[in-house]
N, C-alpha and C. Protein backbone atom coordinates (compact mmCIF):
# COMPACT_ATOMS: atom_id res chain seq x y z
N MET A 1 0.85 -1.19 0.00
CA MET A 1 0.00 0.00 0.00
C MET A 1 0.89 1.25 0.00
N ALA A 2 0.56 2.19 -0.87
CA ALA A 2 1.34 3.42 -0.98
C ALA A 2 1.14 4.27 0.27
N PRO A 3 2.16 5.02 0.66
CA PRO A 3 2.00 5.89 1.83
C PRO A 3 0.97 6.98 1.55
N GLN A 4 0.26 7.36 2.58
CA GLN A 4 -0.77 8.39 2.46
C GLN A 4 -0.12 9.77 2.47
N HIS A 5 -0.63 10.67 1.64
CA HIS A 5 -0.12 12.04 1.61
C HIS A 5 -0.45 12.70 2.95
N PRO A 6 0.48 13.50 3.50
CA PRO A 6 0.26 14.11 4.82
C PRO A 6 -0.92 15.08 4.91
N LEU A 7 -1.44 15.57 3.79
CA LEU A 7 -2.57 16.50 3.84
C LEU A 7 -3.93 15.81 3.87
N ILE A 8 -3.96 14.50 3.66
CA ILE A 8 -5.24 13.79 3.65
C ILE A 8 -5.96 13.98 4.99
N ASP A 9 -7.24 14.33 4.90
CA ASP A 9 -8.12 14.58 6.04
C ASP A 9 -7.76 15.85 6.83
N LYS A 10 -7.01 16.73 6.19
CA LYS A 10 -6.66 18.02 6.81
C LYS A 10 -7.22 19.15 5.94
N PRO A 11 -7.36 20.35 6.51
CA PRO A 11 -7.83 21.49 5.70
C PRO A 11 -6.85 21.79 4.56
N ALA A 12 -7.39 22.08 3.40
CA ALA A 12 -6.56 22.43 2.25
C ALA A 12 -5.89 23.77 2.51
N PRO A 13 -4.57 23.86 2.29
CA PRO A 13 -3.88 25.15 2.48
C PRO A 13 -4.46 26.23 1.55
N SER A 14 -4.59 27.43 2.09
CA SER A 14 -5.07 28.55 1.28
C SER A 14 -3.89 29.19 0.56
N PHE A 15 -4.19 29.89 -0.53
CA PHE A 15 -3.15 30.56 -1.30
C PHE A 15 -3.77 31.58 -2.24
N SER A 16 -2.93 32.46 -2.76
CA SER A 16 -3.32 33.44 -3.78
C SER A 16 -2.19 33.52 -4.79
N ILE A 17 -2.47 33.13 -6.03
CA ILE A 17 -1.49 33.20 -7.12
C ILE A 17 -2.21 33.61 -8.40
N PRO A 18 -1.46 34.07 -9.42
CA PRO A 18 -2.12 34.52 -10.65
C PRO A 18 -2.68 33.37 -11.49
N ASP A 19 -3.80 33.68 -12.14
CA ASP A 19 -4.36 32.73 -13.10
C ASP A 19 -3.77 33.02 -14.48
N SER A 20 -4.30 32.36 -15.49
CA SER A 20 -3.74 32.49 -16.84
C SER A 20 -3.95 33.88 -17.45
N ASN A 21 -4.78 34.71 -16.83
CA ASN A 21 -4.97 36.09 -17.29
C ASN A 21 -4.18 37.09 -16.46
N GLY A 22 -3.43 36.58 -15.48
CA GLY A 22 -2.66 37.45 -14.61
C GLY A 22 -3.45 37.99 -13.43
N GLU A 23 -4.71 37.57 -13.31
CA GLU A 23 -5.55 38.01 -12.20
C GLU A 23 -5.33 37.11 -10.99
N LEU A 24 -5.37 37.70 -9.81
CA LEU A 24 -5.13 36.95 -8.59
C LEU A 24 -6.28 35.97 -8.32
N PHE A 25 -5.93 34.71 -8.16
CA PHE A 25 -6.90 33.66 -7.84
C PHE A 25 -6.71 33.30 -6.38
N ARG A 26 -7.77 33.41 -5.61
CA ARG A 26 -7.71 33.09 -4.18
C ARG A 26 -8.28 31.69 -3.94
N PHE A 27 -7.57 30.95 -3.13
CA PHE A 27 -8.02 29.60 -2.77
C PHE A 27 -8.08 29.49 -1.27
N PRO A 28 -9.18 29.07 -0.67
CA PRO A 28 -10.36 28.59 -1.38
C PRO A 28 -11.11 29.73 -2.06
N PRO A 29 -11.72 29.41 -3.21
CA PRO A 29 -12.45 30.45 -3.93
C PRO A 29 -13.64 30.95 -3.13
N GLU A 30 -13.98 32.21 -3.35
CA GLU A 30 -15.10 32.82 -2.64
C GLU A 30 -16.08 33.41 -3.63
N LYS A 31 -17.31 33.50 -3.17
CA LYS A 31 -18.35 34.21 -3.91
C LYS A 31 -19.06 35.09 -2.92
N GLU A 32 -19.07 36.38 -3.19
CA GLU A 32 -19.69 37.36 -2.29
C GLU A 32 -19.13 37.27 -0.88
N GLY A 33 -17.81 37.06 -0.79
CA GLY A 33 -17.12 37.05 0.49
C GLY A 33 -17.24 35.78 1.30
N LYS A 34 -17.88 34.75 0.75
CA LYS A 34 -18.03 33.48 1.46
C LYS A 34 -17.38 32.36 0.65
N PRO A 35 -16.77 31.39 1.34
CA PRO A 35 -16.16 30.27 0.60
C PRO A 35 -17.20 29.53 -0.24
N VAL A 36 -16.80 29.17 -1.45
CA VAL A 36 -17.66 28.40 -2.34
C VAL A 36 -17.78 26.99 -1.76
N GLN A 37 -19.00 26.54 -1.58
CA GLN A 37 -19.26 25.23 -0.98
C GLN A 37 -19.46 24.19 -2.08
N LYS A 38 -18.36 23.80 -2.73
CA LYS A 38 -18.44 22.78 -3.76
C LYS A 38 -17.15 21.97 -3.74
N PRO A 39 -17.21 20.74 -4.23
CA PRO A 39 -15.98 19.94 -4.28
C PRO A 39 -15.01 20.52 -5.31
N ILE A 40 -13.73 20.33 -5.04
CA ILE A 40 -12.69 20.88 -5.90
C ILE A 40 -11.70 19.79 -6.27
N ALA A 41 -11.36 19.72 -7.55
CA ALA A 41 -10.28 18.86 -8.02
C ALA A 41 -9.11 19.80 -8.31
N LEU A 42 -8.12 19.80 -7.44
CA LEU A 42 -6.94 20.66 -7.57
C LEU A 42 -5.81 19.79 -8.10
N PHE A 43 -5.42 20.02 -9.35
CA PHE A 43 -4.38 19.16 -9.92
C PHE A 43 -3.12 19.94 -10.25
N PHE A 44 -2.01 19.35 -9.86
CA PHE A 44 -0.68 19.89 -10.12
C PHE A 44 -0.07 19.08 -11.25
N TYR A 45 0.53 19.78 -12.21
CA TYR A 45 1.14 19.08 -13.35
C TYR A 45 2.47 19.75 -13.67
N PRO A 46 3.39 19.01 -14.32
CA PRO A 46 4.74 19.53 -14.52
C PRO A 46 4.89 20.71 -15.47
N GLU A 47 4.29 20.65 -16.68
CA GLU A 47 4.56 21.72 -17.64
C GLU A 47 3.47 21.83 -18.70
N SER A 48 2.93 23.03 -18.84
CA SER A 48 1.91 23.29 -19.85
C SER A 48 2.46 23.04 -21.25
N GLY A 49 1.63 22.38 -22.06
CA GLY A 49 1.99 22.16 -23.45
C GLY A 49 2.70 20.85 -23.74
N THR A 50 3.17 20.16 -22.71
CA THR A 50 3.80 18.86 -22.95
C THR A 50 2.71 17.81 -23.14
N TYR A 51 3.09 16.69 -23.74
CA TYR A 51 2.10 15.68 -24.11
C TYR A 51 1.23 15.22 -22.93
N GLY A 52 1.86 14.73 -21.88
CA GLY A 52 1.10 14.19 -20.75
C GLY A 52 0.26 15.24 -20.05
N CYS A 53 0.80 16.44 -19.91
CA CYS A 53 0.08 17.51 -19.22
C CYS A 53 -1.09 18.02 -20.06
N THR A 54 -0.89 18.11 -21.36
CA THR A 54 -1.98 18.52 -22.25
C THR A 54 -3.10 17.49 -22.21
N ARG A 55 -2.72 16.24 -22.25
CA ARG A 55 -3.72 15.16 -22.20
C ARG A 55 -4.53 15.23 -20.90
N GLU A 56 -3.83 15.40 -19.78
CA GLU A 56 -4.51 15.48 -18.49
C GLU A 56 -5.46 16.68 -18.43
N ALA A 57 -4.97 17.85 -18.84
CA ALA A 57 -5.78 19.06 -18.81
C ALA A 57 -7.03 18.93 -19.68
N CYS A 58 -6.86 18.34 -20.86
CA CYS A 58 -8.00 18.16 -21.76
C CYS A 58 -8.98 17.11 -21.23
N GLN A 59 -8.49 16.11 -20.52
CA GLN A 59 -9.39 15.13 -19.91
C GLN A 59 -10.26 15.79 -18.84
N PHE A 60 -9.68 16.68 -18.05
CA PHE A 60 -10.50 17.42 -17.08
C PHE A 60 -11.52 18.30 -17.80
N ARG A 61 -11.07 19.01 -18.84
CA ARG A 61 -11.98 19.87 -19.62
C ARG A 61 -13.17 19.06 -20.14
N ASP A 62 -12.88 17.91 -20.73
CA ASP A 62 -13.93 17.09 -21.31
C ASP A 62 -14.85 16.49 -20.24
N ALA A 63 -14.28 16.09 -19.12
CA ALA A 63 -15.07 15.50 -18.04
C ALA A 63 -16.10 16.49 -17.50
N LEU A 64 -15.75 17.75 -17.45
CA LEU A 64 -16.68 18.76 -16.94
C LEU A 64 -17.94 18.84 -17.80
N VAL A 65 -17.82 18.50 -19.07
CA VAL A 65 -18.95 18.56 -19.99
C VAL A 65 -19.65 17.21 -20.14
N GLU A 66 -18.86 16.14 -20.14
CA GLU A 66 -19.39 14.82 -20.50
C GLU A 66 -19.68 13.89 -19.32
N ASN A 67 -19.05 14.09 -18.19
CA ASN A 67 -19.14 13.13 -17.09
C ASN A 67 -20.25 13.52 -16.13
N ASP A 68 -21.21 12.62 -15.95
CA ASP A 68 -22.36 12.91 -15.08
C ASP A 68 -21.96 13.21 -13.64
N ILE A 69 -20.95 12.53 -13.13
CA ILE A 69 -20.52 12.76 -11.75
C ILE A 69 -20.00 14.19 -11.60
N TYR A 70 -19.20 14.65 -12.55
CA TYR A 70 -18.69 16.02 -12.49
C TYR A 70 -19.84 17.01 -12.58
N LYS A 71 -20.78 16.76 -13.47
CA LYS A 71 -21.90 17.68 -13.65
C LYS A 71 -22.81 17.71 -12.42
N ARG A 72 -23.15 16.54 -11.89
CA ARG A 72 -24.05 16.47 -10.73
C ARG A 72 -23.44 17.12 -9.49
N SER A 73 -22.15 16.92 -9.29
CA SER A 73 -21.52 17.44 -8.07
C SER A 73 -21.07 18.88 -8.21
N ASP A 74 -21.14 19.44 -9.44
CA ASP A 74 -20.73 20.82 -9.69
C ASP A 74 -19.29 21.05 -9.23
N VAL A 75 -18.43 20.09 -9.54
CA VAL A 75 -17.03 20.16 -9.11
C VAL A 75 -16.31 21.32 -9.80
N LEU A 76 -15.44 21.98 -9.07
CA LEU A 76 -14.58 23.02 -9.60
C LEU A 76 -13.21 22.40 -9.85
N VAL A 77 -12.74 22.47 -11.08
CA VAL A 77 -11.40 21.97 -11.42
C VAL A 77 -10.46 23.17 -11.46
N VAL A 78 -9.27 23.00 -10.87
CA VAL A 78 -8.24 24.04 -10.86
C VAL A 78 -6.91 23.36 -11.17
N GLY A 79 -6.20 23.87 -12.18
CA GLY A 79 -4.89 23.34 -12.55
C GLY A 79 -3.78 24.27 -12.08
N VAL A 80 -2.64 23.69 -11.67
CA VAL A 80 -1.50 24.48 -11.19
C VAL A 80 -0.21 23.91 -11.76
N SER A 81 0.63 24.78 -12.31
CA SER A 81 1.99 24.40 -12.66
C SER A 81 2.89 25.60 -12.39
N SER A 82 4.18 25.40 -12.54
CA SER A 82 5.13 26.48 -12.28
C SER A 82 5.39 27.34 -13.51
N ASP A 83 4.64 27.14 -14.57
CA ASP A 83 4.81 27.94 -15.78
C ASP A 83 4.38 29.39 -15.55
N PRO A 84 5.02 30.34 -16.27
CA PRO A 84 4.63 31.75 -16.13
C PRO A 84 3.24 32.00 -16.72
N VAL A 85 2.65 33.11 -16.33
CA VAL A 85 1.30 33.48 -16.75
C VAL A 85 1.15 33.43 -18.27
N GLU A 86 2.11 33.96 -19.01
CA GLU A 86 2.01 34.01 -20.46
C GLU A 86 1.87 32.61 -21.06
N LYS A 87 2.66 31.68 -20.54
CA LYS A 87 2.59 30.30 -21.05
C LYS A 87 1.27 29.65 -20.67
N GLN A 88 0.79 29.94 -19.45
CA GLN A 88 -0.51 29.40 -19.02
C GLN A 88 -1.62 29.94 -19.92
N ASN A 89 -1.54 31.23 -20.24
CA ASN A 89 -2.57 31.84 -21.08
C ASN A 89 -2.61 31.19 -22.46
N ALA A 90 -1.45 30.98 -23.06
CA ALA A 90 -1.39 30.35 -24.38
C ALA A 90 -1.94 28.92 -24.31
N PHE A 91 -1.64 28.22 -23.24
CA PHE A 91 -2.11 26.84 -23.04
C PHE A 91 -3.64 26.81 -22.92
N VAL A 92 -4.18 27.69 -22.10
CA VAL A 92 -5.64 27.77 -21.90
C VAL A 92 -6.34 28.11 -23.21
N GLU A 93 -5.80 29.08 -23.94
CA GLU A 93 -6.41 29.51 -25.21
C GLU A 93 -6.34 28.40 -26.26
N LYS A 94 -5.19 27.79 -26.41
CA LYS A 94 -5.00 26.77 -27.44
C LYS A 94 -5.92 25.57 -27.24
N TYR A 95 -6.07 25.14 -25.99
CA TYR A 95 -6.86 23.94 -25.71
C TYR A 95 -8.25 24.25 -25.15
N LYS A 96 -8.62 25.53 -25.15
CA LYS A 96 -9.95 25.97 -24.72
C LYS A 96 -10.34 25.38 -23.36
N LEU A 97 -9.43 25.54 -22.41
CA LEU A 97 -9.68 25.04 -21.06
C LEU A 97 -10.70 25.94 -20.38
N SER A 98 -11.67 25.34 -19.74
CA SER A 98 -12.81 26.07 -19.19
C SER A 98 -12.73 26.29 -17.69
N TYR A 99 -11.58 26.06 -17.11
CA TYR A 99 -11.40 26.17 -15.66
C TYR A 99 -10.12 26.96 -15.38
N PRO A 100 -9.94 27.44 -14.15
CA PRO A 100 -8.74 28.22 -13.83
C PRO A 100 -7.46 27.38 -13.94
N VAL A 101 -6.47 27.96 -14.59
CA VAL A 101 -5.12 27.38 -14.67
C VAL A 101 -4.19 28.42 -14.06
N LEU A 102 -3.47 28.02 -13.02
CA LEU A 102 -2.72 28.97 -12.20
C LEU A 102 -1.22 28.86 -12.40
N SER A 103 -0.55 29.98 -12.14
CA SER A 103 0.90 30.09 -12.30
C SER A 103 1.59 30.19 -10.94
N ASP A 104 2.31 29.14 -10.58
CA ASP A 104 3.01 29.06 -9.29
C ASP A 104 4.52 29.11 -9.54
N THR A 105 4.99 30.23 -10.08
CA THR A 105 6.39 30.32 -10.51
C THR A 105 7.40 30.20 -9.38
N ASP A 106 7.03 30.59 -8.17
CA ASP A 106 7.98 30.49 -7.06
C ASP A 106 7.80 29.21 -6.23
N HIS A 107 6.90 28.34 -6.69
CA HIS A 107 6.65 27.04 -6.05
C HIS A 107 6.07 27.15 -4.63
N ALA A 108 5.55 28.30 -4.25
CA ALA A 108 5.00 28.45 -2.89
C ALA A 108 3.81 27.51 -2.66
N VAL A 109 2.95 27.37 -3.67
CA VAL A 109 1.79 26.50 -3.52
C VAL A 109 2.22 25.04 -3.59
N HIS A 110 3.18 24.74 -4.45
CA HIS A 110 3.74 23.38 -4.50
C HIS A 110 4.28 22.99 -3.12
N LYS A 111 4.96 23.92 -2.47
CA LYS A 111 5.51 23.63 -1.14
C LYS A 111 4.39 23.45 -0.11
N ALA A 112 3.39 24.32 -0.16
CA ALA A 112 2.28 24.22 0.80
C ALA A 112 1.55 22.89 0.68
N TYR A 113 1.46 22.36 -0.54
CA TYR A 113 0.79 21.09 -0.78
C TYR A 113 1.76 19.90 -0.80
N GLN A 114 3.00 20.19 -0.44
CA GLN A 114 4.04 19.16 -0.33
C GLN A 114 4.17 18.33 -1.61
N ILE A 115 4.25 19.05 -2.73
CA ILE A 115 4.43 18.41 -4.03
C ILE A 115 5.92 18.17 -4.23
N GLY A 116 6.28 16.95 -4.38
CA GLY A 116 7.69 16.60 -4.59
C GLY A 116 8.06 16.60 -6.06
N ARG A 117 9.08 15.87 -6.36
CA ARG A 117 9.56 15.75 -7.73
C ARG A 117 9.02 14.46 -8.33
N GLY A 118 8.82 14.46 -9.61
CA GLY A 118 8.35 13.28 -10.32
C GLY A 118 9.35 12.91 -11.40
N MET A 119 9.03 11.94 -12.18
CA MET A 119 9.81 11.53 -13.35
C MET A 119 11.32 11.60 -13.13
N LEU A 120 11.83 10.72 -12.32
CA LEU A 120 13.26 10.62 -12.04
C LEU A 120 13.83 11.88 -11.40
N GLY A 121 12.98 12.68 -10.79
CA GLY A 121 13.42 13.91 -10.15
C GLY A 121 13.67 15.05 -11.10
N LEU A 122 13.28 14.89 -12.37
CA LEU A 122 13.55 15.91 -13.38
C LEU A 122 12.46 16.96 -13.50
N THR A 123 11.26 16.64 -13.05
CA THR A 123 10.13 17.56 -13.18
C THR A 123 9.36 17.63 -11.86
N ASP A 124 8.45 18.58 -11.79
CA ASP A 124 7.52 18.59 -10.66
C ASP A 124 6.63 17.35 -10.77
N ALA A 125 6.18 16.85 -9.64
CA ALA A 125 5.30 15.68 -9.63
C ALA A 125 3.91 16.05 -10.15
N ARG A 126 3.23 15.04 -10.63
CA ARG A 126 1.85 15.17 -11.08
C ARG A 126 0.97 14.56 -9.98
N ILE A 127 0.06 15.36 -9.44
CA ILE A 127 -0.80 14.87 -8.36
C ILE A 127 -2.11 15.64 -8.38
N THR A 128 -3.19 14.97 -8.04
CA THR A 128 -4.51 15.60 -7.95
C THR A 128 -5.05 15.43 -6.54
N PHE A 129 -5.54 16.53 -5.98
CA PHE A 129 -6.19 16.51 -4.67
C PHE A 129 -7.68 16.71 -4.88
N VAL A 130 -8.48 15.93 -4.20
CA VAL A 130 -9.92 16.15 -4.16
C VAL A 130 -10.20 16.81 -2.82
N ILE A 131 -10.83 17.96 -2.88
CA ILE A 131 -11.12 18.74 -1.67
C ILE A 131 -12.64 18.81 -1.54
N ASP A 132 -13.13 18.38 -0.39
CA ASP A 132 -14.59 18.30 -0.22
C ASP A 132 -15.21 19.69 0.00
N ARG A 133 -16.51 19.72 0.10
CA ARG A 133 -17.26 20.98 0.25
C ARG A 133 -16.88 21.77 1.50
N ASN A 134 -16.27 21.09 2.46
CA ASN A 134 -15.85 21.74 3.70
C ASN A 134 -14.38 22.14 3.69
N GLY A 135 -13.71 21.97 2.54
CA GLY A 135 -12.31 22.38 2.42
C GLY A 135 -11.32 21.36 2.95
N ILE A 136 -11.74 20.10 3.10
CA ILE A 136 -10.86 19.06 3.62
C ILE A 136 -10.31 18.23 2.46
N VAL A 137 -9.00 17.99 2.48
CA VAL A 137 -8.34 17.19 1.44
C VAL A 137 -8.72 15.73 1.63
N LYS A 138 -9.13 15.10 0.55
CA LYS A 138 -9.51 13.68 0.57
C LYS A 138 -8.58 12.86 -0.30
């Protein structure tokens, strides 16, 4: 059995970083000053535009439209990589991503979520967190 991530069953760390338009995205997201009460799929990926990352991002995009579970639960998908805003913007535009894609250039959010290295230590790890309506990592 794989070791459990240390954030499981704990509150999701909050953060504020730019989205693909350069606008500050606050997590947990709020509407009218109150936290949004919906499940969140927060996924970290190594690099926008690469084969595996593009495939993953497009699978989330398609699931939001085609998958009944995503539609019924009104899940919010949020993608994060260390790419700069300009690269994130081009990625979102090219693949018509319908959810926030964030730029964590200083790795502060990666550190808060304890994202290690993947692929022989050459890239950031790929990991998805499911965060429940109460802000708890599952």
